[in-house]
């Protein structure tokens, strides 16, 4: 069964709802400029509602001070969504001892060529490359050409993201064989605010036999 991450939650009641609906991971976004950004203080409250889901902290090119602050909150997983090099990923892994995910933005097959270099990453998240001129690393709701992944052998555990919705997630899984999927804007009717019906529909569509 496909695993599901719902990312970018900011409301404690919605965190609890998402956990009860069966999300495997719940993402909290610390990226400056994101409409889904939370502060460490807010995250401490949100973490109390995650239930059995595993919380994931989304960071963009964090410095060591930010890493230490977020790790101290008790996150078991850090998701790196910036221009972090394989060496930087390895350094963060060594510093924290936590599970580390690295996001790779793709628009063509060649964008996957560097995936194998991230040996320190516990999981790769394959996302659509941000549009030109974008001021944020992700959350744009854009789908990339899934055929880019045809005959690609992932170097380890991985997850599919990029424009996924309740309406296309089953097709995305069928087309790519993704063992896990990640969604943020695809379960929102208002930017930055998750919709309960869309969350439920997404999780059910992703986890259907």
N, C-alpha and C. Protein backbone atom coordinates (compact mmCIF):
# COMPACT_ATOMS: atom_id res chain seq x y z
N UNK A 1 0.84 -1.20 0.00
CA UNK A 1 0.00 0.00 0.00
C UNK A 1 0.88 1.25 0.00
N UNK A 2 0.50 2.21 -0.79
CA UNK A 2 1.28 3.45 -0.90
C UNK A 2 1.19 4.26 0.39
N UNK A 3 2.33 4.79 0.80
CA UNK A 3 2.37 5.67 1.97
C UNK A 3 2.09 7.11 1.55
N UNK A 4 1.55 7.89 2.48
CA UNK A 4 1.10 9.25 2.17
C UNK A 4 1.66 10.26 3.15
N UNK A 5 2.15 11.37 2.59
CA UNK A 5 2.55 12.52 3.41
C UNK A 5 1.68 13.71 3.03
N UNK A 6 1.07 14.33 4.01
CA UNK A 6 0.33 15.57 3.83
C UNK A 6 1.21 16.67 4.41
N UNK A 7 1.55 17.66 3.59
CA UNK A 7 2.56 18.64 3.99
C UNK A 7 1.98 20.04 4.09
N UNK A 8 2.54 20.80 5.02
CA UNK A 8 2.20 22.20 5.12
C UNK A 8 1.00 22.49 6.01
N UNK A 9 0.88 21.77 7.10
CA UNK A 9 -0.24 22.01 8.01
C UNK A 9 0.12 23.08 9.03
N UNK A 10 -0.89 23.88 9.37
CA UNK A 10 -0.66 24.99 10.29
C UNK A 10 -1.69 25.05 11.42
N UNK A 11 -2.69 24.18 11.38
CA UNK A 11 -3.79 24.22 12.34
C UNK A 11 -3.82 22.94 13.17
N UNK A 12 -3.82 23.03 14.49
CA UNK A 12 -3.78 21.82 15.32
C UNK A 12 -4.95 20.87 15.06
N UNK A 13 -6.15 21.39 14.87
CA UNK A 13 -7.30 20.52 14.63
C UNK A 13 -7.13 19.75 13.32
N UNK A 14 -6.60 20.41 12.29
CA UNK A 14 -6.38 19.74 11.02
C UNK A 14 -5.27 18.70 11.12
N UNK A 15 -4.26 18.98 11.93
CA UNK A 15 -3.20 17.99 12.15
C UNK A 15 -3.82 16.71 12.72
N UNK A 16 -4.65 16.87 13.73
CA UNK A 16 -5.30 15.71 14.32
C UNK A 16 -6.18 14.99 13.33
N UNK A 17 -6.91 15.73 12.51
CA UNK A 17 -7.77 15.14 11.49
C UNK A 17 -6.96 14.33 10.49
N UNK A 18 -5.89 14.91 9.98
CA UNK A 18 -5.03 14.25 8.99
C UNK A 18 -4.45 12.96 9.57
N UNK A 19 -4.04 13.02 10.81
CA UNK A 19 -3.50 11.82 11.46
C UNK A 19 -4.56 10.73 11.56
N UNK A 20 -5.77 11.10 11.96
CA UNK A 20 -6.84 10.11 12.11
C UNK A 20 -7.27 9.53 10.77
N UNK A 21 -7.12 10.30 9.70
CA UNK A 21 -7.50 9.82 8.36
C UNK A 21 -6.49 8.83 7.79
N UNK A 22 -5.34 8.69 8.44
CA UNK A 22 -4.40 7.66 8.02
C UNK A 22 -3.15 8.12 7.32
N UNK A 23 -2.83 9.42 7.39
CA UNK A 23 -1.56 9.88 6.81
C UNK A 23 -0.40 9.21 7.54
N UNK A 24 0.60 8.84 6.78
CA UNK A 24 1.79 8.22 7.38
C UNK A 24 2.77 9.26 7.91
N UNK A 25 2.84 10.39 7.20
CA UNK A 25 3.69 11.50 7.64
C UNK A 25 2.89 12.79 7.55
N UNK A 26 3.22 13.73 8.43
CA UNK A 26 2.63 15.07 8.39
C UNK A 26 3.78 16.06 8.35
N UNK A 27 3.77 16.92 7.32
CA UNK A 27 4.88 17.85 7.14
C UNK A 27 4.57 19.23 7.68
N UNK A 28 5.60 19.83 8.29
CA UNK A 28 5.51 21.19 8.81
C UNK A 28 6.58 22.02 8.12
N UNK A 29 6.17 23.12 7.53
CA UNK A 29 7.01 23.91 6.64
C UNK A 29 7.62 25.09 7.40
N UNK A 30 8.94 25.13 7.43
CA UNK A 30 9.65 26.22 8.09
C UNK A 30 10.31 27.17 7.08
N UNK A 31 9.96 27.05 5.80
CA UNK A 31 10.60 27.83 4.76
C UNK A 31 10.12 29.28 4.77
N UNK A 32 11.03 30.23 4.82
CA UNK A 32 10.62 31.64 4.76
C UNK A 32 9.86 31.93 3.47
N UNK A 33 8.81 32.73 3.60
CA UNK A 33 8.04 33.13 2.43
C UNK A 33 6.95 32.17 2.02
N UNK A 34 6.89 31.01 2.63
CA UNK A 34 5.84 30.06 2.28
C UNK A 34 4.52 30.43 2.95
N UNK A 35 3.39 30.29 2.23
CA UNK A 35 2.09 30.55 2.87
C UNK A 35 1.75 29.51 3.92
N UNK A 36 2.54 28.43 3.98
CA UNK A 36 2.31 27.36 4.95
C UNK A 36 3.36 27.37 6.08
N UNK A 37 4.12 28.42 6.16
CA UNK A 37 5.22 28.47 7.13
C UNK A 37 4.69 28.49 8.56
N UNK A 38 5.37 27.73 9.41
CA UNK A 38 5.09 27.77 10.85
C UNK A 38 6.37 28.15 11.59
N UNK A 39 6.20 28.69 12.76
CA UNK A 39 7.35 29.02 13.61
C UNK A 39 7.66 27.82 14.50
N UNK A 40 8.86 27.77 15.05
CA UNK A 40 9.15 26.69 16.00
C UNK A 40 8.19 26.66 17.17
N UNK A 41 7.76 27.84 17.61
CA UNK A 41 6.83 27.90 18.74
C UNK A 41 5.48 27.27 18.36
N UNK A 42 4.99 27.58 17.17
CA UNK A 42 3.73 27.00 16.72
C UNK A 42 3.88 25.51 16.49
N UNK A 43 5.02 25.09 15.96
CA UNK A 43 5.24 23.67 15.69
C UNK A 43 5.19 22.84 16.96
N UNK A 44 5.66 23.40 18.05
CA UNK A 44 5.65 22.66 19.31
C UNK A 44 4.23 22.27 19.70
N UNK A 45 3.26 23.14 19.41
CA UNK A 45 1.86 22.84 19.68
C UNK A 45 1.30 21.86 18.67
N UNK A 46 1.64 22.06 17.40
CA UNK A 46 1.14 21.19 16.34
C UNK A 46 1.60 19.74 16.53
N UNK A 47 2.81 19.58 17.01
CA UNK A 47 3.37 18.23 17.19
C UNK A 47 2.58 17.40 18.19
N UNK A 48 1.86 18.05 19.06
CA UNK A 48 1.07 17.33 20.07
C UNK A 48 -0.11 16.59 19.45
N UNK A 49 -0.45 16.90 18.18
CA UNK A 49 -1.65 16.34 17.56
C UNK A 49 -1.34 15.28 16.50
N UNK A 50 -0.08 14.88 16.32
CA UNK A 50 0.27 14.04 15.17
C UNK A 50 -0.12 12.57 15.34
N UNK A 51 -0.48 12.17 16.52
CA UNK A 51 -0.91 10.79 16.71
C UNK A 51 0.15 9.80 16.27
N UNK A 52 -0.25 8.80 15.46
CA UNK A 52 0.69 7.79 14.99
C UNK A 52 1.47 8.23 13.75
N UNK A 53 1.08 9.33 13.15
CA UNK A 53 1.81 9.82 11.98
C UNK A 53 3.20 10.33 12.41
N UNK A 54 4.16 10.25 11.50
CA UNK A 54 5.50 10.76 11.79
C UNK A 54 5.62 12.19 11.30
N UNK A 55 6.02 13.11 12.17
CA UNK A 55 6.16 14.50 11.74
C UNK A 55 7.47 14.72 10.97
N UNK A 56 7.39 15.56 9.95
CA UNK A 56 8.53 15.88 9.10
C UNK A 56 8.70 17.39 9.06
N UNK A 57 9.93 17.86 9.29
CA UNK A 57 10.23 19.29 9.24
C UNK A 57 10.82 19.63 7.88
N UNK A 58 10.17 20.53 7.14
CA UNK A 58 10.65 20.96 5.83
C UNK A 58 11.50 22.21 6.00
N UNK A 59 12.75 22.11 5.56
CA UNK A 59 13.71 23.20 5.70
C UNK A 59 14.33 23.50 4.34
N UNK A 60 14.68 24.77 4.13
CA UNK A 60 15.32 25.19 2.88
C UNK A 60 16.67 25.81 3.19
N UNK A 61 17.72 25.12 2.80
CA UNK A 61 19.10 25.59 3.03
C UNK A 61 19.30 26.09 4.47
N UNK A 62 18.98 25.26 5.44
CA UNK A 62 19.09 25.70 6.83
C UNK A 62 20.54 25.80 7.29
N UNK A 63 20.81 26.77 8.15
CA UNK A 63 22.13 26.81 8.78
C UNK A 63 22.10 25.92 10.03
N UNK A 64 23.23 25.75 10.65
CA UNK A 64 23.31 24.84 11.79
C UNK A 64 22.43 25.28 12.95
N UNK A 65 22.30 26.59 13.15
CA UNK A 65 21.47 27.08 14.25
C UNK A 65 20.01 26.69 14.04
N UNK A 66 19.52 26.82 12.81
CA UNK A 66 18.13 26.44 12.53
C UNK A 66 17.95 24.94 12.69
N UNK A 67 18.90 24.19 12.20
CA UNK A 67 18.83 22.73 12.33
C UNK A 67 18.74 22.33 13.80
N UNK A 68 19.58 22.93 14.63
CA UNK A 68 19.58 22.59 16.05
C UNK A 68 18.24 22.95 16.70
N UNK A 69 17.69 24.10 16.33
CA UNK A 69 16.41 24.53 16.89
C UNK A 69 15.29 23.57 16.53
N UNK A 70 15.23 23.17 15.27
CA UNK A 70 14.16 22.29 14.81
C UNK A 70 14.35 20.88 15.36
N UNK A 71 15.57 20.39 15.37
CA UNK A 71 15.83 19.05 15.90
C UNK A 71 15.45 18.97 17.37
N UNK A 72 15.65 20.06 18.10
CA UNK A 72 15.34 20.07 19.53
C UNK A 72 13.84 19.95 19.80
N UNK A 73 13.01 20.22 18.80
CA UNK A 73 11.56 20.09 18.97
C UNK A 73 11.11 18.64 18.99
N UNK A 74 11.97 17.74 18.53
CA UNK A 74 11.63 16.32 18.54
C UNK A 74 11.25 15.74 17.20
N UNK A 75 11.51 16.46 16.11
CA UNK A 75 11.22 15.91 14.79
C UNK A 75 12.12 14.72 14.50
N UNK A 76 11.55 13.59 14.04
CA UNK A 76 12.38 12.45 13.68
C UNK A 76 12.92 12.52 12.26
N UNK A 77 12.32 13.41 11.43
CA UNK A 77 12.68 13.50 10.02
C UNK A 77 12.87 14.96 9.63
N UNK A 78 13.97 15.25 8.92
CA UNK A 78 14.20 16.57 8.34
C UNK A 78 14.17 16.42 6.82
N UNK A 79 13.36 17.24 6.16
CA UNK A 79 13.25 17.24 4.69
C UNK A 79 13.94 18.49 4.16
N UNK A 80 14.98 18.30 3.37
CA UNK A 80 15.79 19.41 2.86
C UNK A 80 15.33 19.77 1.45
N UNK A 81 14.83 20.98 1.31
CA UNK A 81 14.15 21.37 0.07
C UNK A 81 14.89 22.49 -0.67
N UNK A 82 16.16 22.68 -0.35
CA UNK A 82 16.90 23.76 -1.00
C UNK A 82 17.95 23.23 -1.95
N UNK A 83 19.09 23.94 -2.00
CA UNK A 83 20.19 23.57 -2.89
C UNK A 83 21.27 22.81 -2.14
N UNK A 84 20.87 22.08 -1.11
CA UNK A 84 21.85 21.36 -0.29
C UNK A 84 22.63 20.35 -1.14
N UNK A 85 23.94 20.38 -1.02
CA UNK A 85 24.81 19.45 -1.74
C UNK A 85 24.83 18.10 -1.03
N UNK A 86 25.32 17.06 -1.70
CA UNK A 86 25.47 15.77 -1.01
C UNK A 86 26.30 15.89 0.26
N UNK A 87 27.34 16.72 0.22
CA UNK A 87 28.17 16.91 1.40
C UNK A 87 27.42 17.57 2.54
N UNK A 88 26.60 18.57 2.21
CA UNK A 88 25.82 19.24 3.24
C UNK A 88 24.78 18.30 3.85
N UNK A 89 24.16 17.49 3.01
CA UNK A 89 23.20 16.51 3.52
C UNK A 89 23.90 15.55 4.49
N UNK A 90 25.08 15.10 4.12
CA UNK A 90 25.84 14.19 4.99
C UNK A 90 26.20 14.87 6.31
N UNK A 91 26.54 16.16 6.24
CA UNK A 91 26.90 16.89 7.46
C UNK A 91 25.70 17.04 8.39
N UNK A 92 24.53 17.31 7.81
CA UNK A 92 23.32 17.45 8.63
C UNK A 92 22.95 16.10 9.25
N UNK A 93 23.10 15.05 8.48
CA UNK A 93 22.84 13.70 9.00
C UNK A 93 23.77 13.40 10.18
N UNK A 94 25.05 13.71 10.02
CA UNK A 94 26.01 13.45 11.09
C UNK A 94 25.75 14.33 12.31
N UNK A 95 25.32 15.56 12.08
CA UNK A 95 25.08 16.50 13.19
C UNK A 95 23.89 16.08 14.04
N UNK A 96 22.83 15.60 13.37
CA UNK A 96 21.57 15.35 14.08
C UNK A 96 21.31 13.88 14.39
N UNK A 97 21.80 13.00 13.55
CA UNK A 97 21.47 11.58 13.69
C UNK A 97 20.03 11.27 13.31
N UNK A 98 19.36 12.23 12.67
CA UNK A 98 17.96 12.04 12.32
C UNK A 98 17.81 11.46 10.92
N UNK A 99 16.60 11.03 10.59
CA UNK A 99 16.30 10.61 9.24
C UNK A 99 16.26 11.85 8.35
N UNK A 100 16.98 11.80 7.22
CA UNK A 100 17.09 12.96 6.35
C UNK A 100 16.53 12.63 4.97
N UNK A 101 15.63 13.48 4.49
CA UNK A 101 15.11 13.37 3.14
C UNK A 101 15.66 14.53 2.31
N UNK A 102 15.97 14.25 1.05
CA UNK A 102 16.44 15.31 0.15
C UNK A 102 15.49 15.42 -1.04
N UNK A 103 15.03 16.64 -1.31
CA UNK A 103 14.14 16.89 -2.43
C UNK A 103 14.97 17.17 -3.69
N UNK A 104 14.60 16.52 -4.78
CA UNK A 104 15.21 16.77 -6.08
C UNK A 104 14.13 17.28 -7.03
N UNK A 105 14.32 18.49 -7.56
CA UNK A 105 13.39 19.02 -8.54
C UNK A 105 13.75 18.54 -9.93
N UNK A 106 12.77 18.04 -10.67
CA UNK A 106 13.04 17.51 -12.00
C UNK A 106 12.13 18.15 -13.04
N UNK A 107 12.71 18.34 -14.23
CA UNK A 107 11.94 18.79 -15.40
C UNK A 107 12.31 17.95 -16.61
N UNK A 108 13.42 17.23 -16.51
CA UNK A 108 13.86 16.35 -17.59
C UNK A 108 14.66 15.20 -16.98
N UNK A 109 14.88 14.17 -17.78
CA UNK A 109 15.53 12.96 -17.27
C UNK A 109 16.90 13.26 -16.66
N UNK A 110 17.64 14.18 -17.27
CA UNK A 110 18.99 14.50 -16.79
C UNK A 110 18.99 15.00 -15.35
N UNK A 111 17.86 15.53 -14.89
CA UNK A 111 17.80 16.05 -13.53
C UNK A 111 17.90 14.94 -12.48
N UNK A 112 17.73 13.70 -12.91
CA UNK A 112 17.85 12.58 -11.99
C UNK A 112 19.29 12.08 -11.85
N UNK A 113 20.19 12.60 -12.71
CA UNK A 113 21.54 12.07 -12.75
C UNK A 113 22.29 12.20 -11.43
N UNK A 114 21.99 13.23 -10.67
CA UNK A 114 22.70 13.45 -9.42
C UNK A 114 22.12 12.73 -8.22
N UNK A 115 21.04 11.98 -8.43
CA UNK A 115 20.34 11.36 -7.29
C UNK A 115 21.24 10.42 -6.50
N UNK A 116 22.04 9.64 -7.21
CA UNK A 116 22.85 8.62 -6.54
C UNK A 116 23.92 9.23 -5.64
N UNK A 117 24.25 10.51 -5.83
CA UNK A 117 25.29 11.14 -5.01
C UNK A 117 24.82 11.40 -3.59
N UNK A 118 23.51 11.40 -3.38
CA UNK A 118 22.98 11.70 -2.05
C UNK A 118 22.92 10.44 -1.19
N UNK A 119 24.07 9.85 -0.98
CA UNK A 119 24.14 8.58 -0.25
C UNK A 119 23.75 8.74 1.21
N UNK A 120 23.87 9.94 1.75
CA UNK A 120 23.52 10.15 3.16
C UNK A 120 22.03 10.32 3.37
N UNK A 121 21.29 10.57 2.30
CA UNK A 121 19.84 10.78 2.43
C UNK A 121 19.14 9.45 2.65
N UNK A 122 18.21 9.43 3.59
CA UNK A 122 17.44 8.21 3.85
C UNK A 122 16.31 8.03 2.84
N UNK A 123 15.91 9.13 2.20
CA UNK A 123 14.85 9.08 1.21
C UNK A 123 15.01 10.27 0.27
N UNK A 124 14.74 10.05 -1.02
CA UNK A 124 14.69 11.14 -1.99
C UNK A 124 13.23 11.46 -2.29
N UNK A 125 12.94 12.74 -2.41
CA UNK A 125 11.60 13.19 -2.77
C UNK A 125 11.70 13.82 -4.15
N UNK A 126 11.08 13.19 -5.15
CA UNK A 126 11.16 13.66 -6.53
C UNK A 126 9.97 14.58 -6.79
N UNK A 127 10.29 15.85 -7.03
CA UNK A 127 9.27 16.90 -7.14
C UNK A 127 9.45 17.62 -8.48
N UNK A 128 8.44 18.38 -8.86
CA UNK A 128 8.57 19.22 -10.05
C UNK A 128 9.54 20.36 -9.76
N UNK A 129 10.40 20.64 -10.72
CA UNK A 129 11.33 21.76 -10.57
C UNK A 129 10.51 23.05 -10.51
N UNK A 130 10.85 23.98 -9.62
CA UNK A 130 10.08 25.23 -9.53
C UNK A 130 10.11 25.99 -10.86
N UNK A 131 9.03 26.69 -11.19
CA UNK A 131 9.01 27.47 -12.42
C UNK A 131 10.04 28.59 -12.37
N UNK A 132 10.47 29.03 -13.54
CA UNK A 132 11.49 30.07 -13.61
C UNK A 132 11.00 31.33 -12.91
N UNK A 133 11.87 31.89 -12.08
CA UNK A 133 11.53 33.11 -11.36
C UNK A 133 10.79 32.87 -10.05
N UNK A 134 10.57 31.60 -9.70
CA UNK A 134 9.85 31.29 -8.46
C UNK A 134 10.65 31.73 -7.25
N UNK A 135 9.96 32.21 -6.24
CA UNK A 135 10.63 32.66 -5.02
C UNK A 135 10.56 31.61 -3.92
N UNK A 136 9.85 30.51 -4.19
CA UNK A 136 9.75 29.43 -3.22
C UNK A 136 10.26 28.14 -3.84
N UNK A 137 10.77 27.24 -3.01
CA UNK A 137 11.36 26.00 -3.50
C UNK A 137 10.30 24.98 -3.92
N UNK A 138 9.11 25.07 -3.37
CA UNK A 138 8.09 24.07 -3.68
C UNK A 138 6.71 24.58 -3.37
N UNK A 139 5.73 23.67 -3.44
CA UNK A 139 4.35 24.03 -3.15
C UNK A 139 3.67 24.78 -4.27
N UNK A 140 4.15 24.59 -5.53
CA UNK A 140 3.59 25.32 -6.66
C UNK A 140 2.44 24.59 -7.34
N UNK A 141 2.21 23.34 -6.97
CA UNK A 141 1.11 22.59 -7.57
C UNK A 141 1.33 22.20 -9.01
N UNK A 142 2.57 22.09 -9.42
CA UNK A 142 2.89 21.75 -10.80
C UNK A 142 3.21 20.27 -10.95
N UNK A 143 2.67 19.67 -12.00
CA UNK A 143 2.96 18.27 -12.32
C UNK A 143 4.11 18.23 -13.31
N UNK A 144 5.06 17.31 -13.11
CA UNK A 144 6.08 17.12 -14.12
C UNK A 144 5.73 15.88 -14.96
N UNK A 145 6.46 15.69 -16.03
CA UNK A 145 6.22 14.57 -16.94
C UNK A 145 6.66 13.27 -16.26
N UNK A 146 5.70 12.46 -15.87
CA UNK A 146 6.04 11.25 -15.11
C UNK A 146 6.86 10.25 -15.92
N UNK A 147 6.84 10.37 -17.24
CA UNK A 147 7.64 9.43 -18.04
C UNK A 147 9.13 9.64 -17.83
N UNK A 148 9.51 10.76 -17.23
CA UNK A 148 10.91 10.98 -16.85
C UNK A 148 11.41 9.83 -15.96
N UNK A 149 10.50 9.24 -15.22
CA UNK A 149 10.86 8.20 -14.26
C UNK A 149 10.82 6.79 -14.87
N UNK A 150 10.45 6.68 -16.15
CA UNK A 150 10.40 5.37 -16.79
C UNK A 150 11.77 4.69 -16.73
N UNK A 151 11.80 3.47 -16.23
CA UNK A 151 13.02 2.66 -16.16
C UNK A 151 14.10 3.27 -15.27
N UNK A 152 13.72 4.23 -14.44
CA UNK A 152 14.67 4.80 -13.47
C UNK A 152 14.73 3.89 -12.25
N UNK A 153 15.93 3.56 -11.83
CA UNK A 153 16.11 2.77 -10.62
C UNK A 153 16.54 3.70 -9.50
N UNK A 154 15.67 3.91 -8.54
CA UNK A 154 15.99 4.80 -7.43
C UNK A 154 17.12 4.19 -6.60
N UNK A 155 18.03 5.02 -6.09
CA UNK A 155 19.14 4.50 -5.29
C UNK A 155 18.72 4.05 -3.90
N UNK A 156 17.49 4.33 -3.52
CA UNK A 156 16.98 3.95 -2.21
C UNK A 156 15.52 4.34 -2.11
N UNK A 157 14.97 4.40 -0.91
CA UNK A 157 13.57 4.80 -0.74
C UNK A 157 13.31 6.18 -1.38
N UNK A 158 12.11 6.33 -1.96
CA UNK A 158 11.80 7.61 -2.58
C UNK A 158 10.32 7.89 -2.50
N UNK A 159 9.97 9.12 -2.86
CA UNK A 159 8.59 9.59 -2.76
C UNK A 159 8.32 10.51 -3.95
N UNK A 160 7.08 10.50 -4.44
CA UNK A 160 6.68 11.34 -5.56
C UNK A 160 5.89 12.54 -5.07
N UNK A 161 6.21 13.70 -5.62
CA UNK A 161 5.48 14.93 -5.32
C UNK A 161 5.31 15.71 -6.62
N UNK A 162 4.66 16.85 -6.53
CA UNK A 162 4.52 17.72 -7.68
C UNK A 162 3.14 17.70 -8.29
N UNK A 163 2.27 18.60 -7.83
CA UNK A 163 0.95 18.76 -8.45
C UNK A 163 -0.01 17.61 -8.25
N UNK A 164 0.22 16.79 -7.25
CA UNK A 164 -0.67 15.67 -7.00
C UNK A 164 -1.98 16.15 -6.37
N UNK A 165 -3.07 15.50 -6.74
CA UNK A 165 -4.40 15.85 -6.25
C UNK A 165 -5.18 14.55 -6.02
N UNK A 166 -6.35 14.64 -5.39
CA UNK A 166 -7.17 13.43 -5.28
C UNK A 166 -7.53 12.86 -6.64
N UNK A 167 -7.61 13.71 -7.66
CA UNK A 167 -8.02 13.26 -8.98
C UNK A 167 -6.93 12.59 -9.80
N UNK A 168 -5.66 12.86 -9.49
CA UNK A 168 -4.59 12.28 -10.31
C UNK A 168 -3.62 11.38 -9.56
N UNK A 169 -3.76 11.29 -8.25
CA UNK A 169 -2.74 10.56 -7.49
C UNK A 169 -2.72 9.07 -7.82
N UNK A 170 -3.87 8.47 -8.05
CA UNK A 170 -3.89 7.04 -8.40
C UNK A 170 -3.18 6.81 -9.73
N UNK A 171 -3.42 7.69 -10.70
CA UNK A 171 -2.75 7.57 -12.00
C UNK A 171 -1.26 7.78 -11.86
N UNK A 172 -0.86 8.70 -11.00
CA UNK A 172 0.56 8.96 -10.78
C UNK A 172 1.26 7.74 -10.21
N UNK A 173 0.62 7.10 -9.26
CA UNK A 173 1.20 5.89 -8.65
C UNK A 173 1.29 4.78 -9.68
N UNK A 174 0.24 4.61 -10.48
CA UNK A 174 0.24 3.57 -11.51
C UNK A 174 1.32 3.82 -12.55
N UNK A 175 1.55 5.10 -12.90
CA UNK A 175 2.50 5.44 -13.94
C UNK A 175 3.94 5.33 -13.49
N UNK A 176 4.19 5.61 -12.21
CA UNK A 176 5.58 5.70 -11.73
C UNK A 176 5.99 4.58 -10.79
N UNK A 177 5.01 3.88 -10.23
CA UNK A 177 5.33 2.88 -9.21
C UNK A 177 5.78 3.49 -7.90
N UNK A 178 5.45 4.74 -7.68
CA UNK A 178 5.88 5.42 -6.46
C UNK A 178 5.40 4.68 -5.22
N UNK A 179 6.32 4.41 -4.28
CA UNK A 179 5.93 3.73 -3.04
C UNK A 179 5.33 4.68 -2.02
N UNK A 180 5.47 6.00 -2.27
CA UNK A 180 4.96 7.00 -1.34
C UNK A 180 4.69 8.28 -2.12
N UNK A 181 3.73 9.08 -1.64
CA UNK A 181 3.37 10.33 -2.31
C UNK A 181 3.25 11.45 -1.29
N UNK A 182 3.46 12.67 -1.79
CA UNK A 182 3.46 13.85 -0.93
C UNK A 182 2.58 14.91 -1.58
N UNK A 183 1.75 15.57 -0.79
CA UNK A 183 0.86 16.61 -1.32
C UNK A 183 0.82 17.79 -0.36
N UNK A 184 0.72 18.99 -0.94
CA UNK A 184 0.51 20.20 -0.15
C UNK A 184 -0.65 20.99 -0.76
N UNK A 185 -0.39 21.70 -1.87
CA UNK A 185 -1.44 22.54 -2.46
C UNK A 185 -2.58 21.75 -3.05
N UNK A 186 -2.35 20.49 -3.40
CA UNK A 186 -3.39 19.68 -4.03
C UNK A 186 -4.54 19.30 -3.14
N UNK A 187 -4.44 19.58 -1.84
CA UNK A 187 -5.56 19.33 -0.93
C UNK A 187 -6.00 20.64 -0.26
N UNK A 188 -5.84 21.73 -1.01
CA UNK A 188 -6.26 23.04 -0.53
C UNK A 188 -7.27 23.67 -1.50
N UNK A 189 -8.31 24.28 -0.98
CA UNK A 189 -9.21 25.11 -1.79
C UNK A 189 -8.82 26.58 -1.63
N UNK A 190 -8.32 26.92 -0.44
CA UNK A 190 -7.78 28.25 -0.16
C UNK A 190 -6.29 28.08 0.07
N UNK A 191 -5.49 28.90 -0.57
CA UNK A 191 -4.04 28.74 -0.48
C UNK A 191 -3.56 28.71 0.96
N UNK A 192 -2.84 27.65 1.29
CA UNK A 192 -2.26 27.52 2.62
C UNK A 192 -3.16 26.86 3.64
N UNK A 193 -4.41 26.57 3.27
CA UNK A 193 -5.36 25.98 4.23
C UNK A 193 -5.88 24.66 3.67
N UNK A 194 -5.63 23.59 4.39
CA UNK A 194 -6.06 22.27 3.94
C UNK A 194 -7.59 22.13 4.04
N UNK A 195 -8.14 21.41 3.06
CA UNK A 195 -9.57 21.12 3.02
C UNK A 195 -9.78 19.67 3.47
N UNK A 196 -10.62 19.45 4.43
CA UNK A 196 -10.79 18.12 5.00
C UNK A 196 -11.29 17.10 3.97
N UNK A 197 -12.24 17.50 3.16
CA UNK A 197 -12.76 16.57 2.16
C UNK A 197 -11.69 16.17 1.16
N UNK A 198 -10.86 17.12 0.74
CA UNK A 198 -9.79 16.83 -0.20
C UNK A 198 -8.72 15.95 0.43
N UNK A 199 -8.41 16.21 1.68
CA UNK A 199 -7.43 15.37 2.39
C UNK A 199 -7.92 13.93 2.44
N UNK A 200 -9.16 13.75 2.84
CA UNK A 200 -9.72 12.41 2.94
C UNK A 200 -9.72 11.72 1.58
N UNK A 201 -10.14 12.45 0.55
CA UNK A 201 -10.20 11.87 -0.79
C UNK A 201 -8.80 11.50 -1.30
N UNK A 202 -7.82 12.33 -1.00
CA UNK A 202 -6.46 12.06 -1.45
C UNK A 202 -5.91 10.79 -0.80
N UNK A 203 -6.07 10.70 0.51
CA UNK A 203 -5.54 9.54 1.21
C UNK A 203 -6.21 8.25 0.73
N UNK A 204 -7.51 8.29 0.53
CA UNK A 204 -8.23 7.11 0.05
C UNK A 204 -7.80 6.72 -1.36
N UNK A 205 -7.64 7.73 -2.23
CA UNK A 205 -7.23 7.44 -3.61
C UNK A 205 -5.82 6.88 -3.67
N UNK A 206 -4.94 7.39 -2.83
CA UNK A 206 -3.55 6.93 -2.82
C UNK A 206 -3.42 5.53 -2.26
N UNK A 207 -4.26 5.21 -1.30
CA UNK A 207 -4.12 3.92 -0.60
C UNK A 207 -5.06 2.84 -1.13
N UNK A 208 -5.78 3.13 -2.21
CA UNK A 208 -6.70 2.13 -2.72
C UNK A 208 -5.90 0.91 -3.21
N UNK A 209 -6.46 -0.30 -3.04
CA UNK A 209 -5.75 -1.52 -3.44
C UNK A 209 -5.43 -1.52 -4.93
